[in-house]
Amino acid sequence: MKRWLGMSLFFSFLLSLSAFSNDEIAIVKHTEGTVTLKRNTTITPLKQRDQLLKNDIVITGEKSSVGVIFHDGSVLSLGEKSHLVIEEFTFKPLEKQFKFDLYMNKGTALFESGKIGTLAPEAFEFKIPEGTVGIRGTKFIVEVK
């Protein structure tokens, strides 16, 4: 029994290591309606617990929404008919390396900054077609038509 339990714990540990990649920067907490992910040239439905990477594009359909939590604790909610590109996300507090760039060319977003907003607010940019939103450890709503 002890040997089986030890082997089980070892395999669980190995599985947990493979479940998280250094490239993963966020997790999808909820989706409603039609939400898709464009990664490189592949488009797939986005669902709860999916991981997001740098350069991913998140697209919501009509009457759809998605909620995402980034690894620094930032929270992003996109409303219907939104199109958002995760251009850059670097969160390495021990090395003091921070960068967070988002680009939204249409839709609505509610954003609450996490640790990057506290530790390095100048490292965050939320770009829209006619400007850039900077943060100073805050929440904001953006609508792009």
N, C-alpha and C. Protein backbone atom coordinates (compact mmCIF):
# COMPACT_ATOMS: atom_id res chain seq x y z
N MET A 1 0.82 -1.19 0.00
CA MET A 1 0.00 0.00 0.00
C MET A 1 0.88 1.26 0.00
N LYS A 2 1.93 1.25 0.86
CA LYS A 2 2.82 2.41 0.92
C LYS A 2 3.51 2.64 -0.42
N ARG A 3 3.94 1.55 -1.05
CA ARG A 3 4.63 1.68 -2.32
C ARG A 3 3.69 2.27 -3.38
N TRP A 4 2.44 1.78 -3.41
CA TRP A 4 1.46 2.29 -4.37
C TRP A 4 1.19 3.77 -4.13
N LEU A 5 1.04 4.15 -2.86
CA LEU A 5 0.80 5.55 -2.52
C LEU A 5 1.98 6.42 -2.93
N GLY A 6 3.20 5.94 -2.69
CA GLY A 6 4.39 6.68 -3.09
C GLY A 6 4.48 6.85 -4.59
N MET A 7 4.20 5.79 -5.34
CA MET A 7 4.21 5.87 -6.81
C MET A 7 3.12 6.81 -7.30
N SER A 8 1.97 6.74 -6.67
CA SER A 8 0.85 7.60 -7.06
C SER A 8 1.20 9.07 -6.85
N LEU A 9 1.81 9.38 -5.71
CA LEU A 9 2.21 10.76 -5.44
C LEU A 9 3.28 11.22 -6.42
N PHE A 10 4.22 10.34 -6.75
CA PHE A 10 5.27 10.68 -7.70
C PHE A 10 4.68 11.00 -9.07
N PHE A 11 3.77 10.16 -9.57
CA PHE A 11 3.16 10.40 -10.88
C PHE A 11 2.28 11.64 -10.86
N SER A 12 1.61 11.89 -9.73
CA SER A 12 0.82 13.12 -9.61
C SER A 12 1.72 14.35 -9.70
N PHE A 13 2.89 14.27 -9.07
CA PHE A 13 3.85 15.38 -9.13
C PHE A 13 4.32 15.61 -10.56
N LEU A 14 4.67 14.52 -11.27
CA LEU A 14 5.11 14.65 -12.66
C LEU A 14 4.01 15.23 -13.54
N LEU A 15 2.77 14.79 -13.31
CA LEU A 15 1.65 15.33 -14.07
C LEU A 15 1.47 16.81 -13.81
N SER A 16 1.61 17.24 -12.57
CA SER A 16 1.43 18.66 -12.26
C SER A 16 2.51 19.50 -12.91
N LEU A 17 3.73 18.96 -13.03
CA LEU A 17 4.79 19.70 -13.71
C LEU A 17 4.48 19.89 -15.18
N SER A 18 3.93 18.87 -15.81
CA SER A 18 3.64 18.99 -17.23
C SER A 18 2.39 19.81 -17.49
N ALA A 19 1.55 20.01 -16.49
CA ALA A 19 0.31 20.76 -16.68
C ALA A 19 0.57 22.25 -16.83
N PHE A 20 1.70 22.72 -16.34
CA PHE A 20 2.00 24.14 -16.42
C PHE A 20 3.27 24.37 -17.21
N SER A 21 3.15 25.20 -18.21
CA SER A 21 4.28 25.53 -19.05
C SER A 21 4.73 26.94 -18.72
N ASN A 22 6.00 27.22 -18.94
CA ASN A 22 6.50 28.58 -18.74
C ASN A 22 5.84 29.56 -19.69
N ASP A 23 5.30 29.07 -20.80
CA ASP A 23 4.68 29.92 -21.78
C ASP A 23 3.28 30.36 -21.38
N GLU A 24 2.62 29.60 -20.51
CA GLU A 24 1.25 29.91 -20.12
C GLU A 24 1.23 31.16 -19.26
N ILE A 25 0.32 32.08 -19.60
CA ILE A 25 0.31 33.36 -18.90
C ILE A 25 -1.02 33.67 -18.23
N ALA A 26 -2.06 32.91 -18.56
CA ALA A 26 -3.38 33.19 -18.00
C ALA A 26 -4.25 31.94 -18.10
N ILE A 27 -5.32 31.96 -17.33
CA ILE A 27 -6.29 30.86 -17.36
C ILE A 27 -7.68 31.44 -17.57
N VAL A 28 -8.48 30.73 -18.35
CA VAL A 28 -9.86 31.14 -18.60
C VAL A 28 -10.71 30.68 -17.42
N LYS A 29 -11.38 31.61 -16.78
CA LYS A 29 -12.21 31.27 -15.62
C LYS A 29 -13.66 30.98 -16.00
N HIS A 30 -14.16 31.66 -17.02
CA HIS A 30 -15.52 31.34 -17.49
C HIS A 30 -15.71 31.81 -18.93
N THR A 31 -16.60 31.14 -19.60
CA THR A 31 -17.02 31.58 -20.93
C THR A 31 -18.54 31.48 -20.99
N GLU A 32 -19.10 32.34 -21.81
CA GLU A 32 -20.54 32.28 -22.05
C GLU A 32 -20.75 32.56 -23.54
N GLY A 33 -21.54 31.73 -24.19
CA GLY A 33 -21.79 31.91 -25.61
C GLY A 33 -20.62 31.41 -26.44
N THR A 34 -20.38 32.09 -27.56
CA THR A 34 -19.34 31.68 -28.49
C THR A 34 -18.07 32.48 -28.24
N VAL A 35 -17.04 31.81 -27.74
CA VAL A 35 -15.74 32.43 -27.49
C VAL A 35 -14.69 31.58 -28.19
N THR A 36 -13.87 32.22 -29.02
CA THR A 36 -12.87 31.46 -29.76
C THR A 36 -11.47 31.99 -29.47
N LEU A 37 -10.52 31.13 -29.70
CA LEU A 37 -9.11 31.44 -29.53
C LEU A 37 -8.42 31.26 -30.87
N LYS A 38 -7.68 32.28 -31.28
CA LYS A 38 -6.85 32.14 -32.48
C LYS A 38 -5.40 32.11 -32.00
N ARG A 39 -4.76 30.98 -32.24
CA ARG A 39 -3.36 30.81 -31.86
C ARG A 39 -2.60 30.43 -33.13
N ASN A 40 -1.71 31.31 -33.55
CA ASN A 40 -1.03 31.15 -34.83
C ASN A 40 -2.09 31.13 -35.93
N THR A 41 -2.25 30.02 -36.64
CA THR A 41 -3.25 29.96 -37.70
C THR A 41 -4.44 29.09 -37.32
N THR A 42 -4.46 28.58 -36.08
CA THR A 42 -5.52 27.68 -35.63
C THR A 42 -6.57 28.43 -34.83
N ILE A 43 -7.83 28.17 -35.14
CA ILE A 43 -8.95 28.77 -34.39
C ILE A 43 -9.70 27.63 -33.72
N THR A 44 -9.87 27.75 -32.38
CA THR A 44 -10.55 26.72 -31.61
C THR A 44 -11.51 27.38 -30.62
N PRO A 45 -12.54 26.65 -30.18
CA PRO A 45 -13.41 27.17 -29.13
C PRO A 45 -12.61 27.32 -27.84
N LEU A 46 -12.89 28.37 -27.10
CA LEU A 46 -12.21 28.61 -25.82
C LEU A 46 -13.16 28.19 -24.71
N LYS A 47 -12.64 27.47 -23.72
CA LYS A 47 -13.49 27.01 -22.64
C LYS A 47 -12.81 27.20 -21.28
N GLN A 48 -13.60 27.04 -20.25
CA GLN A 48 -13.09 27.20 -18.89
C GLN A 48 -11.88 26.30 -18.66
N ARG A 49 -10.89 26.83 -17.96
CA ARG A 49 -9.63 26.18 -17.60
C ARG A 49 -8.61 26.12 -18.74
N ASP A 50 -8.94 26.63 -19.92
CA ASP A 50 -7.94 26.70 -20.98
C ASP A 50 -6.86 27.71 -20.59
N GLN A 51 -5.65 27.45 -21.03
CA GLN A 51 -4.52 28.33 -20.76
C GLN A 51 -4.31 29.26 -21.96
N LEU A 52 -3.90 30.48 -21.70
CA LEU A 52 -3.60 31.43 -22.75
C LEU A 52 -2.10 31.69 -22.81
N LEU A 53 -1.63 32.03 -24.02
CA LEU A 53 -0.23 32.29 -24.27
C LEU A 53 -0.06 33.67 -24.88
N LYS A 54 1.17 34.15 -24.86
CA LYS A 54 1.51 35.39 -25.55
C LYS A 54 1.14 35.24 -27.02
N ASN A 55 0.64 36.31 -27.61
CA ASN A 55 0.21 36.38 -29.02
C ASN A 55 -1.12 35.70 -29.30
N ASP A 56 -1.79 35.16 -28.29
CA ASP A 56 -3.13 34.61 -28.50
C ASP A 56 -4.10 35.74 -28.80
N ILE A 57 -5.12 35.41 -29.59
CA ILE A 57 -6.20 36.36 -29.90
C ILE A 57 -7.49 35.75 -29.37
N VAL A 58 -8.20 36.50 -28.55
CA VAL A 58 -9.46 36.05 -27.96
C VAL A 58 -10.59 36.82 -28.64
N ILE A 59 -11.58 36.08 -29.13
CA ILE A 59 -12.68 36.67 -29.88
C ILE A 59 -14.00 36.19 -29.27
N THR A 60 -14.89 37.14 -28.97
CA THR A 60 -16.20 36.79 -28.44
C THR A 60 -17.26 37.08 -29.50
N GLY A 61 -18.27 36.24 -29.55
CA GLY A 61 -19.37 36.43 -30.48
C GLY A 61 -20.48 37.27 -29.87
N GLU A 62 -21.59 37.33 -30.59
CA GLU A 62 -22.76 38.06 -30.11
C GLU A 62 -23.30 37.38 -28.85
N LYS A 63 -23.69 38.18 -27.87
CA LYS A 63 -24.22 37.69 -26.59
C LYS A 63 -23.26 36.71 -25.92
N SER A 64 -21.97 37.01 -26.00
CA SER A 64 -20.93 36.13 -25.45
C SER A 64 -19.98 36.93 -24.56
N SER A 65 -19.30 36.23 -23.67
CA SER A 65 -18.32 36.89 -22.79
C SER A 65 -17.30 35.86 -22.32
N VAL A 66 -16.18 36.39 -21.81
CA VAL A 66 -15.14 35.53 -21.28
C VAL A 66 -14.46 36.26 -20.12
N GLY A 67 -14.05 35.49 -19.12
CA GLY A 67 -13.31 36.02 -17.98
C GLY A 67 -11.98 35.31 -17.88
N VAL A 68 -10.90 36.10 -17.70
CA VAL A 68 -9.54 35.56 -17.70
C VAL A 68 -8.79 36.10 -16.49
N ILE A 69 -7.98 35.26 -15.87
CA ILE A 69 -7.10 35.69 -14.79
C ILE A 69 -5.66 35.44 -15.23
N PHE A 70 -4.86 36.50 -15.25
CA PHE A 70 -3.45 36.40 -15.62
C PHE A 70 -2.63 35.99 -14.41
N HIS A 71 -1.42 35.50 -14.65
CA HIS A 71 -0.59 34.96 -13.57
C HIS A 71 -0.14 36.00 -12.55
N ASP A 72 -0.27 37.28 -12.86
CA ASP A 72 0.05 38.30 -11.86
C ASP A 72 -1.18 38.69 -11.05
N GLY A 73 -2.32 38.04 -11.31
CA GLY A 73 -3.56 38.34 -10.60
C GLY A 73 -4.45 39.35 -11.30
N SER A 74 -4.03 39.86 -12.45
CA SER A 74 -4.88 40.76 -13.23
C SER A 74 -6.11 40.00 -13.71
N VAL A 75 -7.25 40.70 -13.75
CA VAL A 75 -8.50 40.10 -14.17
C VAL A 75 -9.03 40.87 -15.37
N LEU A 76 -9.41 40.13 -16.41
CA LEU A 76 -9.93 40.73 -17.63
C LEU A 76 -11.25 40.06 -17.99
N SER A 77 -12.27 40.88 -18.24
CA SER A 77 -13.55 40.38 -18.74
C SER A 77 -13.82 41.05 -20.07
N LEU A 78 -14.14 40.24 -21.07
CA LEU A 78 -14.50 40.77 -22.38
C LEU A 78 -15.97 40.54 -22.62
N GLY A 79 -16.64 41.56 -23.15
CA GLY A 79 -18.04 41.45 -23.50
C GLY A 79 -18.22 40.97 -24.92
N GLU A 80 -19.45 41.05 -25.39
CA GLU A 80 -19.78 40.52 -26.72
C GLU A 80 -19.08 41.29 -27.84
N LYS A 81 -18.86 40.56 -28.93
CA LYS A 81 -18.25 41.10 -30.15
C LYS A 81 -16.90 41.78 -29.89
N SER A 82 -16.08 41.16 -29.06
CA SER A 82 -14.76 41.71 -28.73
C SER A 82 -13.66 40.96 -29.45
N HIS A 83 -12.57 41.68 -29.67
CA HIS A 83 -11.39 41.11 -30.34
C HIS A 83 -10.17 41.65 -29.61
N LEU A 84 -9.44 40.77 -28.91
CA LEU A 84 -8.32 41.19 -28.08
C LEU A 84 -7.09 40.35 -28.38
N VAL A 85 -5.95 41.04 -28.53
CA VAL A 85 -4.67 40.37 -28.76
C VAL A 85 -3.81 40.53 -27.51
N ILE A 86 -3.29 39.42 -27.00
CA ILE A 86 -2.34 39.46 -25.88
C ILE A 86 -0.96 39.60 -26.51
N GLU A 87 -0.48 40.82 -26.64
CA GLU A 87 0.78 41.05 -27.35
C GLU A 87 2.00 40.65 -26.54
N GLU A 88 1.96 40.90 -25.25
CA GLU A 88 3.14 40.62 -24.41
C GLU A 88 2.70 40.41 -22.97
N PHE A 89 3.34 39.47 -22.29
CA PHE A 89 3.13 39.28 -20.85
C PHE A 89 4.39 38.67 -20.28
N THR A 90 5.08 39.44 -19.47
CA THR A 90 6.25 38.96 -18.75
C THR A 90 6.06 39.32 -17.29
N PHE A 91 6.08 38.31 -16.43
CA PHE A 91 5.93 38.53 -15.00
C PHE A 91 6.97 37.69 -14.27
N LYS A 92 8.14 38.31 -14.02
CA LYS A 92 9.25 37.66 -13.32
C LYS A 92 9.68 38.58 -12.19
N PRO A 93 8.95 38.57 -11.08
CA PRO A 93 9.24 39.52 -10.00
C PRO A 93 10.63 39.38 -9.39
N LEU A 94 11.16 38.18 -9.31
CA LEU A 94 12.49 38.01 -8.72
C LEU A 94 13.57 38.65 -9.59
N GLU A 95 13.33 38.67 -10.90
CA GLU A 95 14.28 39.29 -11.82
C GLU A 95 13.89 40.73 -12.17
N LYS A 96 12.81 41.19 -11.58
CA LYS A 96 12.28 42.54 -11.83
C LYS A 96 12.02 42.78 -13.31
N GLN A 97 11.43 41.76 -13.96
CA GLN A 97 11.07 41.87 -15.37
C GLN A 97 9.56 41.83 -15.49
N PHE A 98 9.00 42.93 -16.03
CA PHE A 98 7.56 43.06 -16.15
C PHE A 98 7.21 43.68 -17.50
N LYS A 99 6.23 43.12 -18.16
CA LYS A 99 5.71 43.72 -19.39
C LYS A 99 4.32 43.14 -19.62
N PHE A 100 3.35 44.00 -19.93
CA PHE A 100 1.99 43.56 -20.15
C PHE A 100 1.38 44.48 -21.20
N ASP A 101 1.19 43.96 -22.40
CA ASP A 101 0.62 44.74 -23.50
C ASP A 101 -0.58 43.99 -24.08
N LEU A 102 -1.70 44.69 -24.13
CA LEU A 102 -2.91 44.16 -24.74
C LEU A 102 -3.34 45.11 -25.85
N TYR A 103 -3.97 44.57 -26.89
CA TYR A 103 -4.51 45.40 -27.96
C TYR A 103 -5.94 44.94 -28.24
N MET A 104 -6.89 45.87 -28.14
CA MET A 104 -8.29 45.55 -28.42
C MET A 104 -8.77 46.46 -29.53
N ASN A 105 -9.19 45.86 -30.66
CA ASN A 105 -9.64 46.71 -31.75
C ASN A 105 -11.15 46.83 -31.84
N LYS A 106 -11.89 46.02 -31.05
CA LYS A 106 -13.33 46.23 -30.93
C LYS A 106 -13.87 45.49 -29.73
N GLY A 107 -15.02 45.96 -29.23
CA GLY A 107 -15.69 45.30 -28.12
C GLY A 107 -15.60 46.09 -26.83
N THR A 108 -15.89 45.39 -25.74
CA THR A 108 -15.84 46.00 -24.41
C THR A 108 -14.98 45.14 -23.49
N ALA A 109 -14.30 45.81 -22.58
CA ALA A 109 -13.44 45.10 -21.62
C ALA A 109 -13.52 45.77 -20.27
N LEU A 110 -13.50 44.96 -19.25
CA LEU A 110 -13.36 45.42 -17.87
C LEU A 110 -12.05 44.81 -17.39
N PHE A 111 -11.17 45.67 -16.86
CA PHE A 111 -9.85 45.20 -16.46
C PHE A 111 -9.55 45.67 -15.05
N GLU A 112 -8.97 44.78 -14.25
CA GLU A 112 -8.47 45.13 -12.92
C GLU A 112 -7.04 44.64 -12.84
N SER A 113 -6.13 45.57 -12.58
CA SER A 113 -4.71 45.22 -12.60
C SER A 113 -4.32 44.37 -11.41
N GLY A 114 -3.28 43.57 -11.64
CA GLY A 114 -2.72 42.71 -10.60
C GLY A 114 -1.37 43.25 -10.15
N LYS A 115 -0.44 42.36 -9.92
CA LYS A 115 0.87 42.74 -9.38
C LYS A 115 1.68 43.63 -10.31
N ILE A 116 1.57 43.41 -11.63
CA ILE A 116 2.33 44.28 -12.55
C ILE A 116 1.88 45.72 -12.38
N GLY A 117 0.57 45.94 -12.19
CA GLY A 117 0.06 47.29 -11.97
C GLY A 117 0.58 47.92 -10.69
N THR A 118 0.90 47.10 -9.71
CA THR A 118 1.44 47.60 -8.44
C THR A 118 2.95 47.78 -8.50
N LEU A 119 3.65 46.77 -9.04
CA LEU A 119 5.11 46.78 -9.03
C LEU A 119 5.73 47.60 -10.15
N ALA A 120 5.07 47.64 -11.32
CA ALA A 120 5.65 48.35 -12.47
C ALA A 120 4.53 48.87 -13.38
N PRO A 121 3.76 49.85 -12.91
CA PRO A 121 2.63 50.33 -13.72
C PRO A 121 3.04 50.85 -15.09
N GLU A 122 4.26 51.33 -15.21
CA GLU A 122 4.74 51.84 -16.51
C GLU A 122 4.94 50.70 -17.52
N ALA A 123 4.93 49.45 -17.06
CA ALA A 123 5.15 48.30 -17.94
C ALA A 123 3.85 47.78 -18.55
N PHE A 124 2.74 48.47 -18.27
CA PHE A 124 1.44 48.02 -18.78
C PHE A 124 0.90 48.97 -19.84
N GLU A 125 0.40 48.39 -20.93
CA GLU A 125 -0.28 49.18 -21.96
C GLU A 125 -1.50 48.41 -22.45
N PHE A 126 -2.62 49.10 -22.48
CA PHE A 126 -3.85 48.56 -23.07
C PHE A 126 -4.13 49.44 -24.27
N LYS A 127 -3.82 48.92 -25.45
CA LYS A 127 -3.90 49.72 -26.67
C LYS A 127 -5.26 49.54 -27.35
N ILE A 128 -5.77 50.64 -27.88
CA ILE A 128 -6.99 50.65 -28.67
C ILE A 128 -6.69 51.41 -29.96
N PRO A 129 -7.53 51.32 -30.99
CA PRO A 129 -7.19 51.95 -32.26
C PRO A 129 -6.83 53.44 -32.19
N GLU A 130 -7.41 54.16 -31.28
CA GLU A 130 -7.16 55.60 -31.23
C GLU A 130 -6.48 56.06 -29.95
N GLY A 131 -5.68 55.18 -29.33
CA GLY A 131 -5.00 55.60 -28.12
C GLY A 131 -4.48 54.44 -27.30
N THR A 132 -4.00 54.76 -26.11
CA THR A 132 -3.47 53.77 -25.18
C THR A 132 -3.95 54.13 -23.79
N VAL A 133 -4.35 53.10 -23.04
CA VAL A 133 -4.76 53.30 -21.66
C VAL A 133 -3.61 52.85 -20.78
N GLY A 134 -3.13 53.70 -19.89
CA GLY A 134 -2.12 53.32 -18.91
C GLY A 134 -2.79 53.03 -17.59
N ILE A 135 -2.15 52.31 -16.71
CA ILE A 135 -2.75 52.02 -15.41
C ILE A 135 -1.85 52.49 -14.29
N ARG A 136 -2.48 52.70 -13.20
CA ARG A 136 -1.77 53.02 -11.97
C ARG A 136 -2.41 52.24 -10.82
N GLY A 137 -2.45 50.90 -10.99
CA GLY A 137 -3.03 50.05 -9.95
C GLY A 137 -4.52 50.26 -9.81
N THR A 138 -5.26 50.10 -10.88
CA THR A 138 -6.66 50.49 -10.88
C THR A 138 -7.53 49.55 -11.70
N LYS A 139 -8.81 49.89 -11.77
CA LYS A 139 -9.78 49.20 -12.61
C LYS A 139 -10.21 50.18 -13.68
N PHE A 140 -10.55 49.65 -14.87
CA PHE A 140 -11.12 50.51 -15.89
C PHE A 140 -11.98 49.70 -16.84
N ILE A 141 -12.86 50.42 -17.54
CA ILE A 141 -13.71 49.84 -18.56
C ILE A 141 -13.38 50.51 -19.87
N VAL A 142 -13.30 49.73 -20.95
CA VAL A 142 -12.99 50.25 -22.27
C VAL A 142 -14.05 49.75 -23.23
N GLU A 143 -14.51 50.65 -24.12
CA GLU A 143 -15.41 50.23 -25.20
C GLU A 143 -14.85 50.77 -26.50
N VAL A 144 -14.67 49.87 -27.47
CA VAL A 144 -14.17 50.25 -28.79
C VAL A 144 -15.22 49.85 -29.80
N LYS A 145 -15.70 50.83 -30.58
CA LYS A 145 -16.75 50.54 -31.57
C LYS A 145 -16.17 50.40 -32.94
